[in-house]
Protein backbone atom coordinates (compact mmCIF):
# COMPACT_ATOMS: atom_id res chain seq x y z
CA MET A 1 -150.93 122.99 -6.15
CA THR A 2 -154.24 123.83 -4.45
CA THR A 3 -154.34 124.69 -0.77
CA LYS A 4 -156.74 123.00 1.64
CA LYS A 5 -157.94 126.47 2.59
CA TYR A 6 -159.11 127.09 -0.98
CA ALA A 7 -160.69 123.64 -1.22
CA ASP A 8 -162.58 124.25 2.03
CA PHE A 9 -163.75 127.63 0.70
CA ILE A 10 -165.14 126.09 -2.52
CA TYR A 11 -166.86 123.34 -0.54
CA LYS A 12 -168.46 125.94 1.73
CA GLN A 13 -169.65 127.90 -1.30
CA THR A 14 -171.18 124.83 -2.97
CA LYS A 15 -172.38 122.68 -0.07
CA GLY A 16 -175.98 123.70 -0.79
CA VAL A 17 -175.80 121.45 -3.86
CA TYR A 18 -177.07 117.95 -3.06
CA ASN A 19 -174.36 115.26 -2.85
CA ILE A 20 -171.38 117.47 -3.66
CA MET A 21 -167.92 116.15 -2.84
CA ILE A 22 -164.33 117.42 -3.17
CA GLU A 23 -161.60 114.79 -3.11
CA GLN A 24 -157.86 115.39 -3.06
CA MET A 25 -155.90 114.12 -6.04
CA PHE A 26 -152.15 114.49 -5.60
CA SER A 27 -151.59 118.22 -4.99
CA ASP A 28 -155.01 119.31 -6.27
CA TYR A 29 -158.68 118.30 -5.93
CA VAL A 30 -161.46 116.74 -8.03
CA LEU A 31 -165.02 118.04 -7.76
CA TYR A 32 -167.85 115.47 -7.84
CA LYS A 33 -171.64 115.57 -7.81
CA ASP A 34 -173.51 112.31 -7.24
CA GLY A 35 -170.17 110.52 -7.59
CA LYS A 36 -169.49 111.90 -11.08
CA ARG A 37 -166.68 114.26 -12.05
CA ILE A 38 -167.68 117.77 -13.03
CA GLY A 39 -164.50 119.76 -12.44
CA VAL A 40 -161.23 120.25 -10.60
CA LEU A 41 -159.52 122.66 -8.26
CA TYR A 42 -156.16 123.35 -9.87
CA ASP A 43 -153.58 125.89 -8.66
CA ASN A 44 -156.25 127.51 -6.46
CA LYS A 45 -158.61 127.93 -9.40
CA LEU A 46 -162.03 126.35 -9.96
CA LEU A 47 -162.25 124.67 -13.35
CA LEU A 48 -165.55 123.17 -14.51
CA VAL A 49 -166.14 120.96 -17.53
CA SER A 50 -167.17 123.17 -20.42
CA THR A 51 -170.79 122.57 -21.50
CA GLU A 52 -173.19 124.49 -23.72
CA ASN A 53 -175.33 125.86 -20.90
CA LEU A 54 -172.39 126.58 -18.60
CA ASN A 55 -170.85 128.72 -21.32
CA LYS A 56 -174.10 130.65 -21.53
CA LEU A 57 -173.81 131.38 -17.81
CA PHE A 58 -170.18 132.49 -18.21
CA PRO A 59 -169.86 133.76 -21.80
CA ASN A 60 -166.50 135.41 -21.08
CA ALA A 61 -164.96 132.48 -19.21
CA VAL A 62 -161.49 131.46 -20.36
CA GLN A 63 -160.75 127.92 -21.45
CA GLU A 64 -158.03 126.41 -19.26
CA LYS A 65 -154.99 125.29 -21.26
CA SER A 66 -152.64 124.26 -18.47
CA PHE A 67 -154.68 121.31 -17.14
CA ASP A 68 -155.14 118.22 -19.31
CA TRP A 69 -158.23 116.15 -18.50
CA GLY A 70 -158.53 113.87 -21.48
CA TYR A 71 -161.24 114.83 -23.95
CA TYR A 72 -162.92 117.25 -21.51
CA LYS A 73 -162.47 120.97 -22.03
CA LEU A 74 -162.42 123.01 -18.83
CA ILE A 75 -163.25 126.65 -18.22
CA TYR A 76 -162.03 128.84 -15.40
CA ILE A 77 -164.79 130.06 -13.06
CA GLU A 78 -163.27 133.26 -11.76
CA ASP A 79 -166.18 134.57 -9.68
CA THR A 80 -166.45 132.17 -6.73
CA GLU A 81 -167.85 134.75 -4.29
CA ASP A 82 -171.39 134.64 -5.72
CA LYS A 83 -172.65 131.54 -3.93
CA GLU A 84 -175.99 131.34 -5.75
CA LEU A 85 -174.35 131.63 -9.18
CA LEU A 86 -171.70 129.09 -8.24
CA GLU A 87 -174.28 126.52 -7.13
CA LYS A 88 -176.19 127.11 -10.37
CA ALA A 89 -172.96 126.54 -12.33
CA ILE A 90 -172.41 123.20 -10.54
CA ARG A 91 -175.94 122.01 -11.23
CA THR A 92 -175.80 123.17 -14.84
CA THR A 93 -172.55 121.31 -15.51
CA TYR A 94 -173.90 118.10 -13.94
CA ASP A 95 -177.21 118.29 -15.78
CA ASP A 96 -175.54 118.88 -19.14
CA LEU A 97 -173.08 116.03 -18.66
CA TYR A 98 -175.10 113.37 -16.89
CA PHE A 99 -178.66 114.14 -15.80
CA GLN A 100 -180.52 113.45 -19.03
CA LYS A 101 -178.73 110.12 -19.43
CA ASP A 102 -179.32 108.92 -15.87
CA PHE A 103 -181.67 105.96 -15.40
CA VAL A 104 -184.86 106.66 -13.48
CA ILE A 105 -186.30 103.15 -13.51
CA ASP A 106 -185.40 99.88 -15.22
CA ILE A 107 -188.37 97.54 -15.12
CA SER A 108 -186.43 94.79 -16.89
CA TYR A 109 -183.98 94.75 -13.98
CA LEU A 110 -186.87 94.05 -11.59
CA PHE A 111 -187.83 91.13 -13.81
CA LYS A 112 -184.25 89.83 -13.69
CA VAL A 113 -184.09 90.02 -9.90
CA ASN A 114 -187.35 88.05 -9.63
CA LYS A 115 -186.73 85.64 -12.53
CA ASN A 116 -187.57 82.60 -10.39
CA TYR A 117 -190.93 84.02 -9.27
CA SER A 118 -193.35 84.17 -12.20
CA ASP A 119 -196.24 85.49 -10.07
CA THR A 120 -194.07 88.38 -8.83
CA ILE A 121 -192.98 89.25 -12.38
CA GLU A 122 -196.62 89.34 -13.49
CA LYS A 123 -197.46 91.61 -10.57
CA ILE A 124 -194.52 93.94 -11.34
CA TYR A 125 -195.64 94.17 -14.96
CA ASP A 126 -199.25 94.96 -14.08
CA LEU A 127 -198.47 97.56 -11.42
CA HIS A 128 -196.20 99.36 -13.88
CA ILE A 129 -198.94 99.44 -16.52
CA THR A 130 -201.06 101.36 -14.02
CA PHE A 131 -198.17 103.60 -13.00
CA LEU A 132 -196.87 104.44 -16.48
CA ARG A 133 -200.34 105.14 -17.87
CA PHE A 134 -201.02 107.48 -14.95
CA CYS A 135 -197.69 109.29 -15.45
CA TYR A 136 -198.33 109.83 -19.14
CA ASP A 137 -201.85 111.11 -18.49
CA LYS A 138 -200.43 113.56 -15.95
CA GLY A 139 -197.85 114.85 -18.40
CA LEU A 140 -194.83 113.41 -16.59
CA LEU A 141 -193.64 111.33 -19.58
CA LYS A 142 -192.95 112.75 -23.04
CA ILE A 143 -194.12 109.67 -24.95
CA ASN A 144 -196.87 107.18 -24.12
CA PRO A 145 -195.12 103.94 -23.06
CA ILE A 146 -198.36 101.88 -23.26
CA ASP A 147 -199.71 100.65 -26.60
CA LYS A 148 -203.38 100.32 -27.61
CA GLN A 149 -203.46 96.74 -26.32
CA GLY A 150 -202.32 97.92 -22.87
CA ARG A 151 -198.80 96.53 -23.21
CA ILE A 152 -195.63 98.24 -21.98
CA LEU A 153 -193.49 99.41 -24.90
CA HIS A 154 -190.45 100.65 -22.97
CA MET A 155 -188.85 99.03 -19.94
CA ARG A 156 -186.04 101.52 -19.27
CA PHE A 157 -186.58 105.21 -18.57
CA LEU A 158 -184.02 107.99 -18.45
CA ASN A 159 -184.44 111.54 -17.19
CA ASN A 160 -184.51 112.46 -20.88
CA ASP A 161 -187.83 110.58 -21.19
CA LEU A 162 -189.44 112.83 -18.58
CA THR A 163 -191.06 116.22 -18.95
CA GLU A 164 -189.92 119.12 -16.77
CA ASN A 165 -192.56 118.25 -14.16
CA GLY A 166 -191.68 114.59 -14.55
CA THR A 167 -188.09 115.19 -13.41
CA LYS A 168 -189.49 116.66 -10.19
CA ILE A 169 -192.19 114.08 -9.47
CA PHE A 170 -191.63 110.76 -11.22
CA ASN A 171 -188.98 109.22 -8.97
CA GLU A 172 -190.71 109.93 -5.66
CA LEU A 173 -194.09 108.86 -7.03
CA HIS A 174 -192.62 105.59 -8.28
CA HIS A 175 -191.02 104.92 -4.90
CA LYS A 176 -194.31 105.48 -3.05
CA TRP A 177 -196.17 103.27 -5.53
CA LEU A 178 -193.72 100.39 -5.10
CA ILE A 179 -194.05 100.55 -1.32
CA TYR A 180 -197.84 100.63 -1.52
CA THR A 181 -198.03 97.65 -3.91
CA ASP A 182 -195.37 95.57 -2.13
CA LYS A 183 -197.87 93.36 -0.36
CA ASN A 184 -199.20 89.93 -1.19
CA ASP A 185 -202.68 89.39 0.15
CA GLY A 186 -206.25 89.07 -1.02
CA ASN A 187 -206.29 92.72 -2.14
CA THR A 188 -203.22 92.57 -4.38
CA SER A 189 -205.12 92.84 -7.68
CA GLU A 190 -207.18 95.76 -6.40
CA ARG A 191 -204.07 97.49 -5.02
CA ILE A 192 -202.00 97.40 -8.22
CA GLY A 193 -204.85 99.03 -10.11
CA ASN A 194 -205.71 101.64 -7.47
CA VAL A 195 -205.38 104.86 -9.47
CA LYS A 196 -207.00 106.81 -6.63
CA MET A 197 -204.00 106.04 -4.41
CA LEU A 198 -201.64 107.20 -7.15
CA GLU A 199 -203.66 110.40 -7.40
CA LYS A 200 -203.35 110.88 -3.65
CA TYR A 201 -199.56 110.45 -3.75
CA TYR A 202 -199.31 112.69 -6.80
CA SER A 203 -201.32 115.49 -5.19
CA ALA A 204 -199.23 115.33 -2.01
CA ILE A 205 -195.98 115.64 -3.98
CA ILE A 206 -197.39 118.48 -6.10
CA ASP A 207 -198.44 120.41 -2.98
CA LYS A 208 -195.03 119.86 -1.37
CA ILE A 209 -193.01 121.20 -4.27
CA ASP A 210 -195.60 123.82 -5.21
CA ILE A 211 -196.04 123.34 -8.95
CA GLN A 212 -199.16 123.51 -11.11
CA LYS A 213 -201.29 120.38 -11.53
């Protein structure tokens, strides 16, 4: 059994992590980040799913034997007073389990949604040619998704397809680009090829998060 007092303490220690949630399950609690399970609070102990990088953070952590969570192995995080280390442990567990496999964009889904609008599909395709080429040139994508004929080779992109800088920039840049190009007027063709606007958005994001261009 885990007390609410202990659950509240762990939440307080980890609330600096984006989208963290602790949900009661019978007499104990499940720990979630972005809606995905990363650990449990069991008998007033914090147990996180054992991953390669988490074990590097806690090389002496003990594997928990008394809690069965299917094929997951759990380790006991004894030091819960160090808030910074605890938040790092949460992020590390999530990243190892889920982050690299998370979808960033799925262009084919946009085609599916607009399947009855051929002009819109053509526009979506063309604006993504501009966007993906720009992202590769800026070192945000690991592999060039555009072939020599200017055709898109890959429609679905995971975090694993992004470089380190790409994981920090790609999603926000894509969102801004979609908003900018979401207009149908006499300037549509010019807009979807406007690399200068992409450069402007890119520079603003770079300055905000303070990384090297």
